[in-house]
């Protein structure tokens, strides 16, 4: 029986790369998207071309009131598509960036970062636990900015720091179900995150490349396959860890 992985925010970037990497390893995928339905449908089509099953479901991870209907929809999809009542892997990937100095951060922007990156992860995982198989896997996306600092990223890095602490507690509390929980912390990546700043701004790209042991910034395909590998049975003894995937950024 193939595995079923649920990936939030998988219509693009790291989520898309993770979804396709899982499919290449023989797994099926349920992906969530916020606005980009066409992009999500394209990921589903790409997965199906690989001979695997995939379904896209709309979800706003920053709105906890949307979680109960999402879980109901997920349960229906599991029964109708896979004839199952559970899934195997949860990748909490959905997110956004917002940069401002400490003195200029707006409360509205701060609250949105908390809602999406911390509160949403906490309560979505809580709501999904009855559907997550014993022996399953949870991966929470963090950032290299919890280890090294960059001006303007204090709020974003702080909520990701909270995710890293939460990951340890999840691993402890879910260990009796043989569920592993880890945090993956990418470095600077060429995606459309934060308006594609790393990808599309040569000076910004070079700055981070010069800070990295491998002398370049990352691409989504540097991270997605690593997450897919972490979900495999080969890594059943890895839990409560922060795993940085940055090419040696800031060493």
C-alpha atoms as a PDB file:
ATOM      1  CA  UNK A   1       0.000   0.000   0.000  1.00  0.00           C
ATOM      2  CA  UNK A   2       1.404   3.407  -0.984  1.00  0.00           C
ATOM      3  CA  UNK A   3       1.793   6.210   1.521  1.00  0.00           C
ATOM      4  CA  UNK A   4      -0.413   9.308   1.489  1.00  0.00           C
ATOM      5  CA  UNK A   5       1.255  12.632   2.303  1.00  0.00           C
ATOM      6  CA  UNK A   6      -0.616  15.855   3.056  1.00  0.00           C
ATOM      7  CA  UNK A   7       1.400  18.964   2.177  1.00  0.00           C
ATOM      8  CA  UNK A   8       0.100  22.440   2.912  1.00  0.00           C
ATOM      9  CA  UNK A   9       0.877  25.188   0.435  1.00  0.00           C
ATOM     10  CA  UNK A  10       2.040  22.784  -2.268  1.00  0.00           C
ATOM     11  CA  UNK A  11       0.966  24.643  -5.403  1.00  0.00           C
ATOM     12  CA  UNK A  12       4.435  26.151  -5.811  1.00  0.00           C
ATOM     13  CA  UNK A  13       7.967  26.376  -4.442  1.00  0.00           C
ATOM     14  CA  UNK A  14       9.155  23.993  -1.767  1.00  0.00           C
ATOM     15  CA  UNK A  15       5.717  22.420  -1.360  1.00  0.00           C
ATOM     16  CA  UNK A  16       5.507  21.599  -5.050  1.00  0.00           C
ATOM     17  CA  UNK A  17       9.015  20.159  -5.089  1.00  0.00           C
ATOM     18  CA  UNK A  18       8.226  18.042  -2.036  1.00  0.00           C
ATOM     19  CA  UNK A  19       5.005  16.741  -3.581  1.00  0.00           C
ATOM     20  CA  UNK A  20       6.717  15.712  -6.813  1.00  0.00           C
ATOM     21  CA  UNK A  21       9.626  14.158  -4.919  1.00  0.00           C
ATOM     22  CA  UNK A  22       7.223  12.039  -2.881  1.00  0.00           C
ATOM     23  CA  UNK A  23       5.448  10.927  -6.034  1.00  0.00           C
ATOM     24  CA  UNK A  24       8.746   9.946  -7.649  1.00  0.00           C
ATOM     25  CA  UNK A  25       9.410   7.736  -4.629  1.00  0.00           C
ATOM     26  CA  UNK A  26       6.052   6.010  -5.121  1.00  0.00           C
ATOM     27  CA  UNK A  27       3.850   7.961  -2.717  1.00  0.00           C
ATOM     28  CA  UNK A  28       0.467   9.619  -3.218  1.00  0.00           C
ATOM     29  CA  UNK A  29      -0.174  13.243  -2.287  1.00  0.00           C
ATOM     30  CA  UNK A  30      -2.932  15.487  -0.986  1.00  0.00           C
ATOM     31  CA  UNK A  31      -1.976  19.124  -1.373  1.00  0.00           C
ATOM     32  CA  UNK A  32      -3.555  22.273  -0.080  1.00  0.00           C
ATOM     33  CA  UNK A  33      -3.543  25.671  -1.754  1.00  0.00           C
ATOM     34  CA  UNK A  34      -4.851  29.096  -0.802  1.00  0.00           C
ATOM     35  CA  UNK A  35      -5.563  31.009  -4.047  1.00  0.00           C
ATOM     36  CA  UNK A  36      -3.594  29.292  -6.816  1.00  0.00           C
ATOM     37  CA  UNK A  37      -6.053  26.610  -7.887  1.00  0.00           C
ATOM     38  CA  UNK A  38      -4.675  26.439 -11.412  1.00  0.00           C
ATOM     39  CA  UNK A  39      -1.156  25.924 -10.072  1.00  0.00           C
ATOM     40  CA  UNK A  40      -2.409  23.265  -7.648  1.00  0.00           C
ATOM     41  CA  UNK A  41      -4.249  21.471 -10.449  1.00  0.00           C
ATOM     42  CA  UNK A  42      -1.032  21.533 -12.488  1.00  0.00           C
ATOM     43  CA  UNK A  43       0.847  19.844  -9.627  1.00  0.00           C
ATOM     44  CA  UNK A  44      -1.891  17.200  -9.443  1.00  0.00           C
ATOM     45  CA  UNK A  45      -1.528  16.594 -13.179  1.00  0.00           C
ATOM     46  CA  UNK A  46       2.252  16.285 -12.877  1.00  0.00           C
ATOM     47  CA  UNK A  47       1.891  13.749 -10.076  1.00  0.00           C
ATOM     48  CA  UNK A  48      -0.625  11.746 -12.074  1.00  0.00           C
ATOM     49  CA  UNK A  49       1.840  11.676 -14.990  1.00  0.00           C
ATOM     50  CA  UNK A  50       4.225   9.917 -12.595  1.00  0.00           C
ATOM     51  CA  UNK A  51       1.599   7.217 -12.051  1.00  0.00           C
ATOM     52  CA  UNK A  52       0.550   8.339  -8.580  1.00  0.00           C
ATOM     53  CA  UNK A  53      -2.705   9.702  -7.154  1.00  0.00           C
ATOM     54  CA  UNK A  54      -3.136  13.294  -6.045  1.00  0.00           C
ATOM     55  CA  UNK A  55      -5.921  15.606  -4.888  1.00  0.00           C
ATOM     56  CA  UNK A  56      -5.846  19.369  -4.223  1.00  0.00           C
ATOM     57  CA  UNK A  57      -8.014  20.943  -1.489  1.00  0.00           C
ATOM     58  CA  UNK A  58      -8.337  24.660  -0.733  1.00  0.00           C
ATOM     59  CA  UNK A  59      -7.219  25.733   2.757  1.00  0.00           C
ATOM     60  CA  UNK A  60      -6.354  28.974   4.539  1.00  0.00           C
ATOM     61  CA  UNK A  61      -3.845  27.943   7.211  1.00  0.00           C
ATOM     62  CA  UNK A  62      -4.158  31.377   8.791  1.00  0.00           C
ATOM     63  CA  UNK A  63      -7.854  30.888   9.560  1.00  0.00           C
ATOM     64  CA  UNK A  64      -8.504  28.295  12.261  1.00  0.00           C
ATOM     65  CA  UNK A  65     -12.261  28.403  11.554  1.00  0.00           C
ATOM     66  CA  UNK A  66     -11.546  26.784   8.179  1.00  0.00           C
ATOM     67  CA  UNK A  67      -9.942  23.719   9.753  1.00  0.00           C
ATOM     68  CA  UNK A  68     -13.034  21.647  10.715  1.00  0.00           C
ATOM     69  CA  UNK A  69     -14.557  21.760   7.194  1.00  0.00           C
ATOM     70  CA  UNK A  70     -11.112  21.041   5.726  1.00  0.00           C
ATOM     71  CA  UNK A  71     -10.747  17.959   7.923  1.00  0.00           C
ATOM     72  CA  UNK A  72     -14.222  16.799   6.871  1.00  0.00           C
ATOM     73  CA  UNK A  73     -13.308  17.278   3.213  1.00  0.00           C
ATOM     74  CA  UNK A  74     -10.034  15.433   3.753  1.00  0.00           C
ATOM     75  CA  UNK A  75     -11.813  12.476   5.350  1.00  0.00           C
ATOM     76  CA  UNK A  76     -14.196  12.305   2.399  1.00  0.00           C
ATOM     77  CA  UNK A  77     -11.306  12.407  -0.091  1.00  0.00           C
ATOM     78  CA  UNK A  78      -9.443   9.673   1.768  1.00  0.00           C
ATOM     79  CA  UNK A  79     -12.474   7.385   1.628  1.00  0.00           C
ATOM     80  CA  UNK A  80     -13.447   8.124  -1.979  1.00  0.00           C
ATOM     81  CA  UNK A  81      -9.971   8.141  -3.532  1.00  0.00           C
ATOM     82  CA  UNK A  82      -8.012   5.707  -1.387  1.00  0.00           C
ATOM     83  CA  UNK A  83     -10.678   3.780   0.534  1.00  0.00           C
ATOM     84  CA  UNK A  84      -8.846   4.704   3.707  1.00  0.00           C
ATOM     85  CA  UNK A  85      -9.640   6.565   6.908  1.00  0.00           C
ATOM     86  CA  UNK A  86      -6.130   7.878   7.524  1.00  0.00           C
ATOM     87  CA  UNK A  87      -3.056   9.396   5.904  1.00  0.00           C
ATOM     88  CA  UNK A  88       0.632   8.865   6.685  1.00  0.00           C
ATOM     89  CA  UNK A  89       2.581  12.118   6.490  1.00  0.00           C
ATOM     90  CA  UNK A  90       1.887  15.763   7.293  1.00  0.00           C
ATOM     91  CA  UNK A  91       4.186  18.474   5.932  1.00  0.00           C
ATOM     92  CA  UNK A  92       3.360  21.890   7.419  1.00  0.00           C
ATOM     93  CA  UNK A  93       4.856  23.957   4.613  1.00  0.00           C
ATOM     94  CA  UNK A  94       2.419  26.801   3.825  1.00  0.00           C
ATOM     95  CA  UNK A  95       3.657  30.254   4.674  1.00  0.00           C
ATOM     96  CA  UNK A  96       4.682  33.727   3.610  1.00  0.00           C
ATOM     97  CA  UNK A  97       7.339  36.291   4.449  1.00  0.00           C
ATOM     98  CA  UNK A  98       7.024  39.779   5.884  1.00  0.00           C
ATOM     99  CA  UNK A  99      10.088  41.885   6.559  1.00  0.00           C
ATOM    100  CA  UNK A 100      10.325  45.069   8.618  1.00  0.00           C
ATOM    101  CA  UNK A 101      12.624  46.432  11.323  1.00  0.00           C
ATOM    102  CA  UNK A 102      11.477  45.913  14.895  1.00  0.00           C
ATOM    103  CA  UNK A 103      10.544  49.596  15.118  1.00  0.00           C
ATOM    104  CA  UNK A 104       8.358  49.466  11.999  1.00  0.00           C
ATOM    105  CA  UNK A 105       6.604  46.076  12.133  1.00  0.00           C
ATOM    106  CA  UNK A 106       2.839  46.569  11.970  1.00  0.00           C
ATOM    107  CA  UNK A 107       0.682  44.644  14.421  1.00  0.00           C
ATOM    108  CA  UNK A 108      -1.542  43.390  11.598  1.00  0.00           C
ATOM    109  CA  UNK A 109       1.455  41.921   9.752  1.00  0.00           C
ATOM    110  CA  UNK A 110       2.829  40.447  12.983  1.00  0.00           C
ATOM    111  CA  UNK A 111      -0.500  38.782  13.772  1.00  0.00           C
ATOM    112  CA  UNK A 112      -0.683  37.284  10.287  1.00  0.00           C
ATOM    113  CA  UNK A 113       2.784  35.757  10.685  1.00  0.00           C
ATOM    114  CA  UNK A 114       1.725  34.217  13.988  1.00  0.00           C
ATOM    115  CA  UNK A 115      -1.591  32.991  12.592  1.00  0.00           C
ATOM    116  CA  UNK A 116      -0.056  31.316   9.541  1.00  0.00           C
ATOM    117  CA  UNK A 117       3.278  30.064  10.803  1.00  0.00           C
ATOM    118  CA  UNK A 118       2.544  29.150  14.428  1.00  0.00           C
ATOM    119  CA  UNK A 119      -1.100  29.179  15.460  1.00  0.00           C
ATOM    120  CA  UNK A 120      -2.168  27.602  12.170  1.00  0.00           C
ATOM    121  CA  UNK A 121       0.440  24.837  12.387  1.00  0.00           C
ATOM    122  CA  UNK A 122      -0.441  24.121  16.012  1.00  0.00           C
ATOM    123  CA  UNK A 123      -4.203  23.846  15.582  1.00  0.00           C
ATOM    124  CA  UNK A 124      -4.252  22.297  12.112  1.00  0.00           C
ATOM    125  CA  UNK A 125      -1.977  19.526  13.364  1.00  0.00           C
ATOM    126  CA  UNK A 126      -4.226  19.123  16.403  1.00  0.00           C
ATOM    127  CA  UNK A 127      -7.307  18.740  14.216  1.00  0.00           C
ATOM    128  CA  UNK A 128      -5.561  16.296  11.855  1.00  0.00           C
ATOM    129  CA  UNK A 129      -4.147  13.950  14.495  1.00  0.00           C
ATOM    130  CA  UNK A 130      -7.200  11.642  14.532  1.00  0.00           C
ATOM    131  CA  UNK A 131      -6.635  11.042  10.792  1.00  0.00           C
ATOM    132  CA  UNK A 132      -2.836  10.649  10.979  1.00  0.00           C
ATOM    133  CA  UNK A 133      -1.719   7.031  11.049  1.00  0.00           C
ATOM    134  CA  UNK A 134       0.269   5.622  13.960  1.00  0.00           C
ATOM    135  CA  UNK A 135       3.861   5.338  12.816  1.00  0.00           C
ATOM    136  CA  UNK A 136       3.379   8.441  10.652  1.00  0.00           C
ATOM    137  CA  UNK A 137       5.564  11.460  10.068  1.00  0.00           C
ATOM    138  CA  UNK A 138       5.236  15.198  10.641  1.00  0.00           C
ATOM    139  CA  UNK A 139       7.627  17.743   9.122  1.00  0.00           C
ATOM    140  CA  UNK A 140       7.361  21.403  10.094  1.00  0.00           C
ATOM    141  CA  UNK A 141       9.084  23.994   7.901  1.00  0.00           C
ATOM    142  CA  UNK A 142      11.359  26.422   9.741  1.00  0.00           C
ATOM    143  CA  UNK A 143      14.112  28.707   8.417  1.00  0.00           C
ATOM    144  CA  UNK A 144      17.860  29.212   8.564  1.00  0.00           C
ATOM    145  CA  UNK A 145      17.064  32.606  10.101  1.00  0.00           C
ATOM    146  CA  UNK A 146      16.531  30.969  13.495  1.00  0.00           C
ATOM    147  CA  UNK A 147      20.293  30.252  13.590  1.00  0.00           C
ATOM    148  CA  UNK A 148      21.622  33.403  11.937  1.00  0.00           C
ATOM    149  CA  UNK A 149      20.076  36.875  11.828  1.00  0.00           C
ATOM    150  CA  UNK A 150      19.224  39.283   9.041  1.00  0.00           C
ATOM    151  CA  UNK A 151      17.874  42.753   9.675  1.00  0.00           C
ATOM    152  CA  UNK A 152      14.108  43.025   9.304  1.00  0.00           C
ATOM    153  CA  UNK A 153      13.296  39.355   9.794  1.00  0.00           C
ATOM    154  CA  UNK A 154      12.819  39.376  13.578  1.00  0.00           C
ATOM    155  CA  UNK A 155       9.093  38.566  13.597  1.00  0.00           C
ATOM    156  CA  UNK A 156       9.314  35.885  10.904  1.00  0.00           C
ATOM    157  CA  UNK A 157      12.311  34.224  12.544  1.00  0.00           C
ATOM    158  CA  UNK A 158      10.657  34.384  15.963  1.00  0.00           C
ATOM    159  CA  UNK A 159       7.544  32.493  14.857  1.00  0.00           C
ATOM    160  CA  UNK A 160       9.763  29.917  13.149  1.00  0.00           C
ATOM    161  CA  UNK A 161      11.721  29.628  16.385  1.00  0.00           C
ATOM    162  CA  UNK A 162       8.423  28.854  18.083  1.00  0.00           C
ATOM    163  CA  UNK A 163       7.839  26.128  15.493  1.00  0.00           C
ATOM    164  CA  UNK A 164      11.188  24.550  16.327  1.00  0.00           C
ATOM    165  CA  UNK A 165      10.272  24.406  20.016  1.00  0.00           C
ATOM    166  CA  UNK A 166       6.806  23.087  19.153  1.00  0.00           C
ATOM    167  CA  UNK A 167       8.422  20.364  17.026  1.00  0.00           C
ATOM    168  CA  UNK A 168      10.276  18.988  20.052  1.00  0.00           C
ATOM    169  CA  UNK A 169       7.107  18.938  22.139  1.00  0.00           C
ATOM    170  CA  UNK A 170       5.106  17.311  19.340  1.00  0.00           C
ATOM    171  CA  UNK A 171       7.755  14.602  19.070  1.00  0.00           C
ATOM    172  CA  UNK A 172       7.553  13.998  22.815  1.00  0.00           C
ATOM    173  CA  UNK A 173       3.762  13.921  23.006  1.00  0.00           C
ATOM    174  CA  UNK A 174       3.252  11.812  19.869  1.00  0.00           C
ATOM    175  CA  UNK A 175       6.087   9.381  20.479  1.00  0.00           C
ATOM    176  CA  UNK A 176       3.719   6.849  22.059  1.00  0.00           C
ATOM    177  CA  UNK A 177       2.052   6.581  18.638  1.00  0.00           C
ATOM    178  CA  UNK A 178       5.425   6.070  16.964  1.00  0.00           C
ATOM    179  CA  UNK A 179       4.936   9.342  15.066  1.00  0.00           C
ATOM    180  CA  UNK A 180       8.174  11.209  14.302  1.00  0.00           C
ATOM    181  CA  UNK A 181       8.235  15.002  14.195  1.00  0.00           C
ATOM    182  CA  UNK A 182      11.089  17.070  12.774  1.00  0.00           C
ATOM    183  CA  UNK A 183      11.713  20.632  11.638  1.00  0.00           C
ATOM    184  CA  UNK A 184      13.419  21.318   8.306  1.00  0.00           C
ATOM    185  CA  UNK A 185      15.132  24.709   8.059  1.00  0.00           C
ATOM    186  CA  UNK A 186      15.971  25.840   4.511  1.00  0.00           C
ATOM    187  CA  UNK A 187      18.509  28.552   3.827  1.00  0.00           C
ATOM    188  CA  UNK A 188      18.094  31.146   1.085  1.00  0.00           C
ATOM    189  CA  UNK A 189      16.148  29.544  -1.786  1.00  0.00           C
ATOM    190  CA  UNK A 190      15.326  30.712  -5.309  1.00  0.00           C
ATOM    191  CA  UNK A 191      11.517  30.576  -5.217  1.00  0.00           C
ATOM    192  CA  UNK A 192       8.793  33.215  -5.367  1.00  0.00           C
ATOM    193  CA  UNK A 193       8.855  33.449  -1.552  1.00  0.00           C
ATOM    194  CA  UNK A 194       8.748  37.100  -0.463  1.00  0.00           C
ATOM    195  CA  UNK A 195       8.095  38.202  -4.014  1.00  0.00           C
ATOM    196  CA  UNK A 196      10.939  36.158  -5.442  1.00  0.00           C
ATOM    197  CA  UNK A 197      13.523  38.394  -3.735  1.00  0.00           C
ATOM    198  CA  UNK A 198      16.330  35.817  -3.641  1.00  0.00           C
ATOM    199  CA  UNK A 199      15.561  34.537  -7.125  1.00  0.00           C
ATOM    200  CA  UNK A 200      15.058  37.850  -8.933  1.00  0.00           C
ATOM    201  CA  UNK A 201      17.416  40.311  -7.200  1.00  0.00           C
ATOM    202  CA  UNK A 202      21.009  39.670  -8.364  1.00  0.00           C
ATOM    203  CA  UNK A 203      22.644  41.569  -5.504  1.00  0.00           C
ATOM    204  CA  UNK A 204      20.520  39.770  -2.909  1.00  0.00           C
ATOM    205  CA  UNK A 205      21.220  36.424  -4.560  1.00  0.00           C
ATOM    206  CA  UNK A 206      24.969  37.075  -4.588  1.00  0.00           C
ATOM    207  CA  UNK A 207      24.931  38.203  -0.951  1.00  0.00           C
ATOM    208  CA  UNK A 208      23.519  34.897   0.235  1.00  0.00           C
ATOM    209  CA  UNK A 209      25.619  32.871  -2.196  1.00  0.00           C
ATOM    210  CA  UNK A 210      28.762  34.438  -0.724  1.00  0.00           C
ATOM    211  CA  UNK A 211      27.587  33.385   2.755  1.00  0.00           C
ATOM    212  CA  UNK A 212      27.154  29.753   1.712  1.00  0.00           C
ATOM    213  CA  UNK A 213      29.808  27.013   1.712  1.00  0.00           C
ATOM    214  CA  UNK A 214      28.621  25.670  -1.657  1.00  0.00           C
ATOM    215  CA  UNK A 215      28.819  29.199  -3.124  1.00  0.00           C
ATOM    216  CA  UNK A 216      25.281  29.448  -4.404  1.00  0.00           C
ATOM    217  CA  UNK A 217      21.772  29.883  -3.048  1.00  0.00           C
ATOM    218  CA  UNK A 218      19.462  26.907  -3.037  1.00  0.00           C
ATOM    219  CA  UNK A 219      16.657  25.903  -5.363  1.00  0.00           C
ATOM    220  CA  UNK A 220      13.446  24.116  -4.454  1.00  0.00           C
ATOM    221  CA  UNK A 221      14.859  20.826  -5.738  1.00  0.00           C
ATOM    222  CA  UNK A 222      17.586  21.015  -3.079  1.00  0.00           C
ATOM    223  CA  UNK A 223      14.953  20.811  -0.342  1.00  0.00           C
ATOM    224  CA  UNK A 224      11.931  18.864  -1.624  1.00  0.00           C
ATOM    225  CA  UNK A 225      13.785  15.563  -2.152  1.00  0.00           C
ATOM    226  CA  UNK A 226      15.355  15.865   1.308  1.00  0.00           C
ATOM    227  CA  UNK A 227      11.918  16.205   2.910  1.00  0.00           C
ATOM    228  CA  UNK A 228      10.643  13.252   0.885  1.00  0.00           C
ATOM    229  CA  UNK A 229      13.582  11.209   2.133  1.00  0.00           C
ATOM    230  CA  UNK A 230      12.926  12.217   5.734  1.00  0.00           C
ATOM    231  CA  UNK A 231       9.397  10.842   5.402  1.00  0.00           C
ATOM    232  CA  UNK A 232      10.645   7.397   4.394  1.00  0.00           C
ATOM    233  CA  UNK A 233      10.893   4.326   6.599  1.00  0.00           C
ATOM    234  CA  UNK A 234      14.681   4.670   6.387  1.00  0.00           C
ATOM    235  CA  UNK A 235      14.437   7.616   8.804  1.00  0.00           C
ATOM    236  CA  UNK A 236      12.147   6.096  11.412  1.00  0.00           C
ATOM    237  CA  UNK A 237      14.676   6.821  14.211  1.00  0.00           C
ATOM    238  CA  UNK A 238      14.999  10.545  13.446  1.00  0.00           C
ATOM    239  CA  UNK A 239      12.690  12.684  15.583  1.00  0.00           C
ATOM    240  CA  UNK A 240      12.660  15.970  17.540  1.00  0.00           C
ATOM    241  CA  UNK A 241      15.407  17.363  15.298  1.00  0.00           C
ATOM    242  CA  UNK A 242      16.048  20.654  13.540  1.00  0.00           C
ATOM    243  CA  UNK A 243      17.600  19.754  10.192  1.00  0.00           C
ATOM    244  CA  UNK A 244      19.082  22.639   8.250  1.00  0.00           C
ATOM    245  CA  UNK A 245      19.169  22.387   4.450  1.00  0.00           C
ATOM    246  CA  UNK A 246      21.180  25.435   3.446  1.00  0.00           C
ATOM    247  CA  UNK A 247      24.341  24.382   1.598  1.00  0.00           C
ATOM    248  CA  UNK A 248      26.337  25.500   4.636  1.00  0.00           C
ATOM    249  CA  UNK A 249      24.950  29.016   4.893  1.00  0.00           C
ATOM    250  CA  UNK A 250      26.636  31.252   7.420  1.00  0.00           C
ATOM    251  CA  UNK A 251      29.314  28.823   8.580  1.00  0.00           C
END
